[in-house]
N, C-alpha and C. Protein backbone atom coordinates (compact mmCIF):
# COMPACT_ATOMS: atom_id res chain seq x y z
N MET A 1 19.67 95.77 63.76
CA MET A 1 20.32 95.32 62.56
C MET A 1 20.93 96.50 61.80
N VAL A 2 20.15 97.51 61.52
CA VAL A 2 20.65 98.68 60.80
C VAL A 2 21.33 99.64 61.77
N GLU A 3 20.76 99.79 62.95
CA GLU A 3 21.29 100.74 63.93
C GLU A 3 22.58 100.23 64.58
N GLY A 4 22.80 98.94 64.60
CA GLY A 4 23.99 98.39 65.23
C GLY A 4 23.83 98.19 66.73
N GLY A 5 22.64 98.36 67.24
CA GLY A 5 22.35 98.20 68.67
C GLY A 5 21.03 98.86 68.98
N SER A 6 20.73 98.97 70.26
CA SER A 6 19.46 99.60 70.63
C SER A 6 19.51 101.09 70.27
N SER A 7 18.34 101.65 70.02
CA SER A 7 18.27 103.05 69.61
C SER A 7 16.96 103.65 70.06
N LYS A 8 17.01 104.90 70.46
CA LYS A 8 15.80 105.64 70.77
C LYS A 8 15.42 106.57 69.63
N GLU A 9 16.41 106.95 68.83
CA GLU A 9 16.19 107.91 67.75
C GLU A 9 15.97 107.24 66.38
N PHE A 10 16.53 106.04 66.19
CA PHE A 10 16.44 105.32 64.92
C PHE A 10 16.99 106.14 63.76
N GLN A 11 18.11 106.82 63.98
CA GLN A 11 18.63 107.74 62.98
C GLN A 11 19.08 107.04 61.71
N TYR A 12 19.69 105.86 61.80
CA TYR A 12 20.20 105.19 60.61
C TYR A 12 19.08 104.62 59.75
N ILE A 13 18.10 104.02 60.38
CA ILE A 13 16.99 103.46 59.61
C ILE A 13 16.16 104.58 59.00
N LYS A 14 16.00 105.69 59.71
CA LYS A 14 15.29 106.83 59.14
C LYS A 14 16.08 107.43 57.98
N ALA A 15 17.41 107.48 58.10
CA ALA A 15 18.22 107.97 57.00
C ALA A 15 18.06 107.07 55.78
N MET A 16 17.96 105.78 56.01
CA MET A 16 17.73 104.84 54.92
C MET A 16 16.35 105.04 54.31
N LEU A 17 15.36 105.29 55.15
CA LEU A 17 14.00 105.53 54.67
C LEU A 17 13.96 106.72 53.71
N TYR A 18 14.63 107.79 54.08
CA TYR A 18 14.58 109.01 53.27
C TYR A 18 15.64 109.03 52.17
N GLY A 19 16.80 108.37 52.40
CA GLY A 19 17.88 108.44 51.43
C GLY A 19 17.96 107.28 50.46
N ALA A 20 17.46 106.13 50.87
CA ALA A 20 17.52 104.93 50.02
C ALA A 20 16.27 104.08 50.24
N PRO A 21 15.11 104.64 49.93
CA PRO A 21 13.87 103.91 50.24
C PRO A 21 13.76 102.56 49.52
N GLY A 22 14.28 102.46 48.32
CA GLY A 22 14.23 101.19 47.62
C GLY A 22 15.02 100.11 48.33
N GLU A 23 16.21 100.47 48.80
CA GLU A 23 17.03 99.52 49.55
C GLU A 23 16.34 99.12 50.85
N LEU A 24 15.76 100.09 51.53
CA LEU A 24 15.05 99.80 52.77
C LEU A 24 13.87 98.86 52.50
N HIS A 25 13.13 99.13 51.46
CA HIS A 25 11.98 98.28 51.14
C HIS A 25 12.43 96.85 50.85
N ARG A 26 13.54 96.70 50.11
CA ARG A 26 14.06 95.36 49.84
C ARG A 26 14.51 94.67 51.13
N LEU A 27 15.21 95.40 52.00
CA LEU A 27 15.65 94.83 53.27
C LEU A 27 14.46 94.40 54.11
N LEU A 28 13.47 95.26 54.23
CA LEU A 28 12.29 94.91 55.02
C LEU A 28 11.54 93.73 54.40
N GLY A 29 11.56 93.64 53.08
CA GLY A 29 10.93 92.50 52.42
C GLY A 29 11.61 91.19 52.79
N VAL A 30 12.95 91.19 52.79
CA VAL A 30 13.70 89.99 53.16
C VAL A 30 13.43 89.62 54.62
N ILE A 31 13.45 90.62 55.49
CA ILE A 31 13.18 90.38 56.91
C ILE A 31 11.77 89.85 57.10
N THR A 32 10.82 90.42 56.38
CA THR A 32 9.42 89.99 56.48
C THR A 32 9.27 88.54 56.04
N GLN A 33 9.88 88.17 54.92
CA GLN A 33 9.76 86.79 54.42
C GLN A 33 10.40 85.81 55.40
N ALA A 34 11.57 86.16 55.93
CA ALA A 34 12.23 85.28 56.90
C ALA A 34 11.39 85.13 58.17
N THR A 35 10.80 86.22 58.62
CA THR A 35 9.95 86.19 59.82
C THR A 35 8.72 85.34 59.58
N LEU A 36 8.09 85.49 58.42
CA LEU A 36 6.92 84.67 58.11
C LEU A 36 7.27 83.19 58.07
N ALA A 37 8.39 82.86 57.45
CA ALA A 37 8.80 81.45 57.38
C ALA A 37 9.03 80.90 58.79
N TYR A 38 9.70 81.67 59.62
CA TYR A 38 9.96 81.24 60.99
C TYR A 38 8.67 81.06 61.79
N LEU A 39 7.80 82.05 61.72
CA LEU A 39 6.55 81.97 62.49
C LEU A 39 5.65 80.85 61.98
N ASN A 40 5.59 80.67 60.67
CA ASN A 40 4.79 79.57 60.13
C ASN A 40 5.35 78.22 60.57
N ALA A 41 6.69 78.10 60.65
CA ALA A 41 7.30 76.86 61.15
C ALA A 41 6.96 76.65 62.62
N GLN A 42 6.96 77.71 63.40
CA GLN A 42 6.58 77.61 64.81
C GLN A 42 5.13 77.14 64.95
N ILE A 43 4.27 77.69 64.12
CA ILE A 43 2.85 77.29 64.14
C ILE A 43 2.70 75.84 63.73
N ALA A 44 3.40 75.44 62.68
CA ALA A 44 3.34 74.05 62.22
C ALA A 44 3.87 73.09 63.28
N ALA A 45 4.79 73.56 64.11
CA ALA A 45 5.36 72.71 65.17
C ALA A 45 4.49 72.70 66.43
N GLY A 46 3.38 73.45 66.39
CA GLY A 46 2.46 73.38 67.51
C GLY A 46 2.33 74.64 68.35
N ALA A 47 3.03 75.71 67.99
CA ALA A 47 2.87 76.95 68.76
C ALA A 47 1.42 77.39 68.71
N GLN A 48 0.88 77.76 69.83
CA GLN A 48 -0.52 78.18 69.87
C GLN A 48 -0.69 79.68 69.70
N ALA A 49 0.39 80.41 69.83
CA ALA A 49 0.34 81.86 69.63
C ALA A 49 1.71 82.35 69.19
N VAL A 50 1.71 83.32 68.32
CA VAL A 50 2.94 84.01 67.93
C VAL A 50 2.65 85.51 67.96
N MET A 51 3.68 86.30 68.19
CA MET A 51 3.47 87.74 68.28
C MET A 51 4.67 88.44 67.66
N VAL A 52 4.39 89.52 66.95
CA VAL A 52 5.44 90.32 66.32
C VAL A 52 5.34 91.74 66.86
N PHE A 53 6.48 92.30 67.24
CA PHE A 53 6.53 93.67 67.72
C PHE A 53 7.25 94.54 66.70
N ASP A 54 6.70 95.67 66.38
CA ASP A 54 7.30 96.63 65.49
C ASP A 54 7.95 97.69 66.36
N THR A 55 9.28 97.65 66.47
CA THR A 55 9.95 98.51 67.43
C THR A 55 10.18 99.94 66.96
N TRP A 56 10.09 100.18 65.67
CA TRP A 56 10.37 101.55 65.23
C TRP A 56 9.21 102.16 64.45
N GLY A 57 8.17 101.44 64.20
CA GLY A 57 7.03 101.98 63.46
C GLY A 57 6.41 103.19 64.12
N GLY A 58 6.42 103.23 65.45
CA GLY A 58 5.86 104.37 66.16
C GLY A 58 6.71 105.62 66.07
N ALA A 59 7.95 105.48 65.59
CA ALA A 59 8.84 106.63 65.44
C ALA A 59 8.64 107.32 64.09
N LEU A 60 7.78 106.76 63.25
CA LEU A 60 7.54 107.32 61.92
C LEU A 60 6.33 108.25 61.93
N THR A 61 6.29 109.14 60.98
CA THR A 61 5.09 109.93 60.79
C THR A 61 4.02 109.01 60.22
N PRO A 62 2.75 109.31 60.39
CA PRO A 62 1.71 108.46 59.81
C PRO A 62 1.87 108.30 58.29
N ALA A 63 2.27 109.36 57.60
CA ALA A 63 2.45 109.26 56.15
C ALA A 63 3.59 108.32 55.79
N ASP A 64 4.70 108.39 56.54
CA ASP A 64 5.82 107.48 56.28
C ASP A 64 5.43 106.04 56.55
N TYR A 65 4.70 105.83 57.63
CA TYR A 65 4.26 104.47 57.95
C TYR A 65 3.38 103.91 56.83
N ARG A 66 2.41 104.70 56.42
CA ARG A 66 1.53 104.23 55.33
C ARG A 66 2.31 104.01 54.05
N GLY A 67 3.25 104.89 53.76
CA GLY A 67 3.96 104.83 52.49
C GLY A 67 4.93 103.68 52.36
N VAL A 68 5.57 103.28 53.44
CA VAL A 68 6.61 102.26 53.36
C VAL A 68 6.18 100.96 54.02
N LEU A 69 5.87 101.01 55.29
CA LEU A 69 5.60 99.78 56.03
C LEU A 69 4.26 99.16 55.70
N ALA A 70 3.25 99.97 55.52
CA ALA A 70 1.92 99.42 55.23
C ALA A 70 1.93 98.65 53.92
N ALA A 71 2.75 99.08 52.96
CA ALA A 71 2.85 98.36 51.69
C ALA A 71 3.38 96.94 51.91
N LEU A 72 4.33 96.78 52.81
CA LEU A 72 4.84 95.45 53.12
C LEU A 72 3.77 94.59 53.77
N HIS A 73 3.03 95.16 54.70
CA HIS A 73 1.97 94.41 55.36
C HIS A 73 0.91 93.98 54.34
N ALA A 74 0.55 94.85 53.46
CA ALA A 74 -0.46 94.53 52.45
C ALA A 74 0.04 93.44 51.52
N ALA A 75 1.30 93.50 51.11
CA ALA A 75 1.86 92.49 50.21
C ALA A 75 1.84 91.12 50.87
N ASP A 76 2.12 91.05 52.15
CA ASP A 76 2.13 89.77 52.83
C ASP A 76 0.74 89.21 53.02
N ARG A 77 -0.24 90.06 53.19
CA ARG A 77 -1.62 89.56 53.32
C ARG A 77 -2.10 88.94 52.01
N ARG A 78 -1.52 89.36 50.90
CA ARG A 78 -1.92 88.81 49.60
C ARG A 78 -1.25 87.48 49.30
N ARG A 79 -0.20 87.13 50.05
CA ARG A 79 0.51 85.87 49.80
C ARG A 79 -0.37 84.70 50.19
N PRO A 80 -0.45 83.68 49.34
CA PRO A 80 -1.31 82.53 49.66
C PRO A 80 -0.82 81.72 50.85
N ASP A 81 0.49 81.75 51.15
CA ASP A 81 0.99 80.95 52.26
C ASP A 81 1.06 81.71 53.57
N ALA A 82 0.73 83.00 53.55
CA ALA A 82 0.75 83.80 54.79
C ALA A 82 -0.49 83.47 55.61
N ARG A 83 -0.28 83.39 56.91
CA ARG A 83 -1.40 83.08 57.80
C ARG A 83 -1.76 84.32 58.59
N ALA A 84 -3.03 84.54 58.77
CA ALA A 84 -3.50 85.71 59.56
C ALA A 84 -3.37 85.42 61.03
């Protein structure tokens, strides 16, 4: 989405992380909410398993991961409609 195609370096998303973290956090929030709605609909329709892959989280330093992405995960766990 941000990279415009597949990427091994994730240079654009990393530039956004360091140059516009607020915008990145808002974008990831929108993506997270849309993903949760979709997965919850799949579960409601009878899906017995759902899986999410984080394709660029491993490219971050542990501090960056904790600082940006972990906050999104924590916020979603606090939502009453989110399912574990």
